[in-house]
Amino acid sequence: MRIAVLLATFYSVTSLPTKSADSDSYEDEGDDWECGTDAFTKYMSENQIELDCPKIKKTVNQCCVAHDKCYDDQLGRKHCDDTFCGCLDRVTKGYEVCNKEDGPLFCNMVRQFGAEAYVRAGNHTSPAQVLAVIQQEEKHRFTNATDTESLAVHDYDYESIIR
């Protein structure tokens, strides 16, 4: 399994387009790419958008910036994620690969893995609080999604844990 992941990562990185010296570089505009949680995920997401829909790269990034601000302001994780997914859907209309693949991928990534980022964005959490949120989410991730009680869990109030 690790070999498959390494090969997929290697293929993804080596098959991405490179910018020519005469091309208009996004970084020349002074905007930092904010889609991702660390240097690697930002690199991967930026190159995917550069490959699939470079003309809307700046507007996709604006969705990510707004999502980060929503997390920072602790406006509710579900609200932030729903707003982010809607933003991506709107700005990628007319760009088939970005609308059908990249946008949904980015959306699913924040929904699946955003708990820790949301809690940490509050700037007032201890490692124990972060761990408690992650464990709570893991516990409920594998519950039966057709059960109405399980559906209520997905609208978890993260703010109540840190107060």
C-alpha atoms as a PDB file:
ATOM      1  CA  MET A   1       0.000   0.000   0.000  1.00  0.00           C
ATOM      2  CA  ARG A   2       2.806   2.420   0.862  1.00  0.00           C
ATOM      3  CA  ILE A   3       4.444   1.725  -2.476  1.00  0.00           C
ATOM      4  CA  ALA A   4       1.211   2.570  -4.285  1.00  0.00           C
ATOM      5  CA  VAL A   5       0.910   5.862  -2.410  1.00  0.00           C
ATOM      6  CA  LEU A   6       4.549   6.741  -3.076  1.00  0.00           C
ATOM      7  CA  LEU A   7       4.203   5.897  -6.768  1.00  0.00           C
ATOM      8  CA  ALA A   8       1.007   7.937  -7.051  1.00  0.00           C
ATOM      9  CA  THR A   9       2.654  10.895  -5.326  1.00  0.00           C
ATOM     10  CA  PHE A  10       5.760  10.607  -7.482  1.00  0.00           C
ATOM     11  CA  TYR A  11       3.655  10.401 -10.643  1.00  0.00           C
ATOM     12  CA  SER A  12       1.526  13.369  -9.574  1.00  0.00           C
ATOM     13  CA  VAL A  13       4.521  15.536  -8.802  1.00  0.00           C
ATOM     14  CA  THR A  14       6.540  14.618 -11.880  1.00  0.00           C
ATOM     15  CA  SER A  15       3.629  14.878 -14.315  1.00  0.00           C
ATOM     16  CA  LEU A  16       2.597  18.380 -13.284  1.00  0.00           C
ATOM     17  CA  PRO A  17       3.267  21.240 -15.675  1.00  0.00           C
ATOM     18  CA  THR A  18       6.096  23.632 -15.050  1.00  0.00           C
ATOM     19  CA  LYS A  19       5.903  27.348 -15.616  1.00  0.00           C
ATOM     20  CA  SER A  20       7.928  28.744 -18.444  1.00  0.00           C
ATOM     21  CA  ALA A  21      10.029  31.836 -17.894  1.00  0.00           C
ATOM     22  CA  ASP A  22       7.781  33.930 -20.137  1.00  0.00           C
ATOM     23  CA  SER A  23       4.476  32.829 -18.590  1.00  0.00           C
ATOM     24  CA  ASP A  24       2.513  35.029 -16.232  1.00  0.00           C
ATOM     25  CA  SER A  25       3.243  33.615 -12.834  1.00  0.00           C
ATOM     26  CA  TYR A  26       0.563  33.661 -10.175  1.00  0.00           C
ATOM     27  CA  GLU A  27       3.158  34.446  -7.534  1.00  0.00           C
ATOM     28  CA  ASP A  28       4.159  37.595  -9.414  1.00  0.00           C
ATOM     29  CA  GLU A  29       0.861  39.079  -8.289  1.00  0.00           C
ATOM     30  CA  GLY A  30       1.974  38.824  -4.676  1.00  0.00           C
ATOM     31  CA  ASP A  31      -0.797  36.431  -3.645  1.00  0.00           C
ATOM     32  CA  ASP A  32       0.137  33.357  -1.653  1.00  0.00           C
ATOM     33  CA  TRP A  33      -1.580  30.076  -2.471  1.00  0.00           C
ATOM     34  CA  GLU A  34      -3.687  29.128   0.555  1.00  0.00           C
ATOM     35  CA  CYS A  35      -5.417  25.887  -0.483  1.00  0.00           C
ATOM     36  CA  GLY A  36      -3.938  23.297   1.867  1.00  0.00           C
ATOM     37  CA  THR A  37      -2.682  22.924   5.402  1.00  0.00           C
ATOM     38  CA  ASP A  38       1.063  22.611   4.860  1.00  0.00           C
ATOM     39  CA  ALA A  39       3.682  23.138   2.165  1.00  0.00           C
ATOM     40  CA  PHE A  40       3.098  19.737   0.560  1.00  0.00           C
ATOM     41  CA  THR A  41      -0.713  19.930   0.355  1.00  0.00           C
ATOM     42  CA  LYS A  42      -0.508  23.518  -0.880  1.00  0.00           C
ATOM     43  CA  TYR A  43       1.993  22.475  -3.541  1.00  0.00           C
ATOM     44  CA  MET A  44      -0.193  19.574  -4.679  1.00  0.00           C
ATOM     45  CA  SER A  45      -3.435  21.574  -4.792  1.00  0.00           C
ATOM     46  CA  GLU A  46      -1.834  24.540  -6.529  1.00  0.00           C
ATOM     47  CA  ASN A  47      -0.325  22.382  -9.229  1.00  0.00           C
ATOM     48  CA  GLN A  48      -3.592  20.512  -9.743  1.00  0.00           C
ATOM     49  CA  ILE A  49      -5.463  23.768 -10.355  1.00  0.00           C
ATOM     50  CA  GLU A  50      -2.596  25.049 -12.515  1.00  0.00           C
ATOM     51  CA  LEU A  51      -2.928  21.886 -14.614  1.00  0.00           C
ATOM     52  CA  ASP A  52      -6.725  21.726 -14.875  1.00  0.00           C
ATOM     53  CA  CYS A  53      -7.976  25.326 -14.832  1.00  0.00           C
ATOM     54  CA  PRO A  54      -5.203  27.933 -14.558  1.00  0.00           C
ATOM     55  CA  LYS A  55      -7.476  30.794 -15.641  1.00  0.00           C
ATOM     56  CA  ILE A  56      -9.486  30.588 -12.426  1.00  0.00           C
ATOM     57  CA  LYS A  57      -6.594  29.876 -10.084  1.00  0.00           C
ATOM     58  CA  LYS A  58      -6.949  33.208  -8.291  1.00  0.00           C
ATOM     59  CA  THR A  59     -10.690  32.783  -7.693  1.00  0.00           C
ATOM     60  CA  VAL A  60     -10.216  29.220  -6.415  1.00  0.00           C
ATOM     61  CA  ASN A  61      -7.585  30.556  -4.021  1.00  0.00           C
ATOM     62  CA  GLN A  62     -10.034  33.231  -2.844  1.00  0.00           C
ATOM     63  CA  CYS A  63     -12.424  30.434  -1.814  1.00  0.00           C
ATOM     64  CA  CYS A  64      -9.611  28.917   0.262  1.00  0.00           C
ATOM     65  CA  VAL A  65      -8.729  32.264   1.836  1.00  0.00           C
ATOM     66  CA  ALA A  66     -12.378  32.845   2.784  1.00  0.00           C
ATOM     67  CA  HIS A  67     -12.559  29.308   4.228  1.00  0.00           C
ATOM     68  CA  ASP A  68      -9.453  29.911   6.336  1.00  0.00           C
ATOM     69  CA  LYS A  69     -10.929  33.177   7.631  1.00  0.00           C
ATOM     70  CA  CYS A  70     -14.195  31.438   8.461  1.00  0.00           C
ATOM     71  CA  TYR A  71     -12.241  28.851  10.490  1.00  0.00           C
ATOM     72  CA  ASP A  72     -10.215  31.620  12.170  1.00  0.00           C
ATOM     73  CA  ASP A  73     -13.421  33.428  13.117  1.00  0.00           C
ATOM     74  CA  GLN A  74     -14.874  30.121  14.434  1.00  0.00           C
ATOM     75  CA  LEU A  75     -18.163  30.595  12.569  1.00  0.00           C
ATOM     76  CA  GLY A  76     -18.966  26.878  12.778  1.00  0.00           C
ATOM     77  CA  ARG A  77     -17.160  24.156  10.895  1.00  0.00           C
ATOM     78  CA  LYS A  78     -20.212  22.919   8.981  1.00  0.00           C
ATOM     79  CA  HIS A  79     -21.076  26.468   7.930  1.00  0.00           C
ATOM     80  CA  CYS A  80     -17.488  27.150   6.817  1.00  0.00           C
ATOM     81  CA  ASP A  81     -17.233  23.888   4.884  1.00  0.00           C
ATOM     82  CA  ASP A  82     -20.644  24.336   3.224  1.00  0.00           C
ATOM     83  CA  THR A  83     -19.737  27.892   2.206  1.00  0.00           C
ATOM     84  CA  PHE A  84     -16.364  26.718   0.866  1.00  0.00           C
ATOM     85  CA  CYS A  85     -17.940  23.925  -1.179  1.00  0.00           C
ATOM     86  CA  GLY A  86     -20.511  26.332  -2.611  1.00  0.00           C
ATOM     87  CA  CYS A  87     -17.782  28.818  -3.492  1.00  0.00           C
ATOM     88  CA  LEU A  88     -15.776  26.156  -5.326  1.00  0.00           C
ATOM     89  CA  ASP A  89     -18.861  24.981  -7.194  1.00  0.00           C
ATOM     90  CA  ARG A  90     -19.636  28.538  -8.333  1.00  0.00           C
ATOM     91  CA  VAL A  91     -16.145  29.573  -9.410  1.00  0.00           C
ATOM     92  CA  THR A  92     -15.407  26.325 -11.276  1.00  0.00           C
ATOM     93  CA  LYS A  93     -18.566  26.396 -13.416  1.00  0.00           C
ATOM     94  CA  GLY A  94     -17.531  26.243 -17.052  1.00  0.00           C
ATOM     95  CA  TYR A  95     -14.311  24.359 -16.266  1.00  0.00           C
ATOM     96  CA  GLU A  96     -15.392  20.722 -16.425  1.00  0.00           C
ATOM     97  CA  VAL A  97     -12.422  19.013 -14.770  1.00  0.00           C
ATOM     98  CA  CYS A  98     -12.222  21.581 -11.986  1.00  0.00           C
ATOM     99  CA  ASN A  99     -15.985  21.493 -11.421  1.00  0.00           C
ATOM    100  CA  LYS A 100     -16.418  17.725 -11.537  1.00  0.00           C
ATOM    101  CA  GLU A 101     -13.135  16.588  -9.967  1.00  0.00           C
ATOM    102  CA  ASP A 102     -10.971  19.222  -8.276  1.00  0.00           C
ATOM    103  CA  GLY A 103     -13.712  21.210  -6.530  1.00  0.00           C
ATOM    104  CA  PRO A 104     -15.421  18.113  -5.103  1.00  0.00           C
ATOM    105  CA  LEU A 105     -12.028  16.721  -4.050  1.00  0.00           C
ATOM    106  CA  PHE A 106     -11.103  19.921  -2.181  1.00  0.00           C
ATOM    107  CA  CYS A 107     -14.582  20.014  -0.641  1.00  0.00           C
ATOM    108  CA  ASN A 108     -14.417  16.409   0.533  1.00  0.00           C
ATOM    109  CA  MET A 109     -10.933  16.935   1.940  1.00  0.00           C
ATOM    110  CA  VAL A 110     -12.044  19.759   4.250  1.00  0.00           C
ATOM    111  CA  ARG A 111     -15.129  17.824   5.295  1.00  0.00           C
ATOM    112  CA  GLN A 112     -13.125  14.672   6.009  1.00  0.00           C
ATOM    113  CA  PHE A 113      -9.973  16.137   7.556  1.00  0.00           C
ATOM    114  CA  GLY A 114     -10.870  19.664   8.676  1.00  0.00           C
ATOM    115  CA  ALA A 115     -11.652  18.977  12.346  1.00  0.00           C
ATOM    116  CA  GLU A 116      -8.142  19.537  13.639  1.00  0.00           C
ATOM    117  CA  ALA A 117      -7.610  22.620  11.464  1.00  0.00           C
ATOM    118  CA  TYR A 118     -10.887  24.110  12.690  1.00  0.00           C
ATOM    119  CA  VAL A 119     -10.063  23.560  16.349  1.00  0.00           C
ATOM    120  CA  ARG A 120      -6.505  24.843  15.970  1.00  0.00           C
ATOM    121  CA  ALA A 121      -7.743  27.942  14.131  1.00  0.00           C
ATOM    122  CA  GLY A 122      -9.442  29.037  17.349  1.00  0.00           C
ATOM    123  CA  ASN A 123      -6.006  29.912  18.794  1.00  0.00           C
ATOM    124  CA  HIS A 124      -7.035  28.939  22.299  1.00  0.00           C
ATOM    125  CA  THR A 125      -6.923  25.170  22.344  1.00  0.00           C
ATOM    126  CA  SER A 126      -4.682  22.797  24.192  1.00  0.00           C
ATOM    127  CA  PRO A 127      -3.348  19.600  22.605  1.00  0.00           C
ATOM    128  CA  ALA A 128      -5.778  17.661  24.814  1.00  0.00           C
ATOM    129  CA  GLN A 129      -8.739  19.586  23.371  1.00  0.00           C
ATOM    130  CA  VAL A 130      -7.554  18.984  19.810  1.00  0.00           C
ATOM    131  CA  LEU A 131      -7.112  15.279  20.538  1.00  0.00           C
ATOM    132  CA  ALA A 132     -10.584  15.079  22.094  1.00  0.00           C
ATOM    133  CA  VAL A 133     -12.180  16.591  18.995  1.00  0.00           C
ATOM    134  CA  ILE A 134     -10.288  14.271  16.654  1.00  0.00           C
ATOM    135  CA  GLN A 135     -11.187  11.210  18.722  1.00  0.00           C
ATOM    136  CA  GLN A 136     -14.832  12.280  18.821  1.00  0.00           C
ATOM    137  CA  GLU A 137     -14.881  12.678  15.059  1.00  0.00           C
ATOM    138  CA  GLU A 138     -13.155   9.339  14.484  1.00  0.00           C
ATOM    139  CA  LYS A 139     -15.655   7.633  16.777  1.00  0.00           C
ATOM    140  CA  HIS A 140     -18.570   8.926  14.732  1.00  0.00           C
ATOM    141  CA  ARG A 141     -17.007   8.691  11.285  1.00  0.00           C
ATOM    142  CA  PHE A 142     -17.722   4.988  11.066  1.00  0.00           C
ATOM    143  CA  THR A 143     -21.281   5.040  12.400  1.00  0.00           C
ATOM    144  CA  ASN A 144     -24.217   4.129  10.220  1.00  0.00           C
ATOM    145  CA  ALA A 145     -24.940   7.295   8.220  1.00  0.00           C
ATOM    146  CA  THR A 146     -28.538   6.201   7.599  1.00  0.00           C
ATOM    147  CA  ASP A 147     -29.311   6.355  11.306  1.00  0.00           C
ATOM    148  CA  THR A 148     -30.885   9.719  12.195  1.00  0.00           C
ATOM    149  CA  GLU A 149     -28.838   9.962  15.386  1.00  0.00           C
ATOM    150  CA  SER A 150     -25.663   9.514  13.344  1.00  0.00           C
ATOM    151  CA  LEU A 151     -26.709  12.297  11.018  1.00  0.00           C
ATOM    152  CA  ALA A 152     -27.023  14.664  13.960  1.00  0.00           C
ATOM    153  CA  VAL A 153     -23.441  13.874  14.958  1.00  0.00           C
ATOM    154  CA  HIS A 154     -22.152  15.265  11.661  1.00  0.00           C
ATOM    155  CA  ASP A 155     -23.412  18.679  12.726  1.00  0.00           C
ATOM    156  CA  TYR A 156     -21.208  18.626  15.817  1.00  0.00           C
ATOM    157  CA  ASP A 157     -20.761  21.861  17.771  1.00  0.00           C
ATOM    158  CA  TYR A 158     -16.978  22.198  18.050  1.00  0.00           C
ATOM    159  CA  GLU A 159     -17.168  25.480  19.932  1.00  0.00           C
ATOM    160  CA  SER A 160     -18.726  23.819  22.978  1.00  0.00           C
ATOM    161  CA  ILE A 161     -15.592  21.730  23.550  1.00  0.00           C
ATOM    162  CA  ILE A 162     -13.267  24.714  23.856  1.00  0.00           C
ATOM    163  CA  ARG A 163     -15.300  26.835  26.221  1.00  0.00           C
END
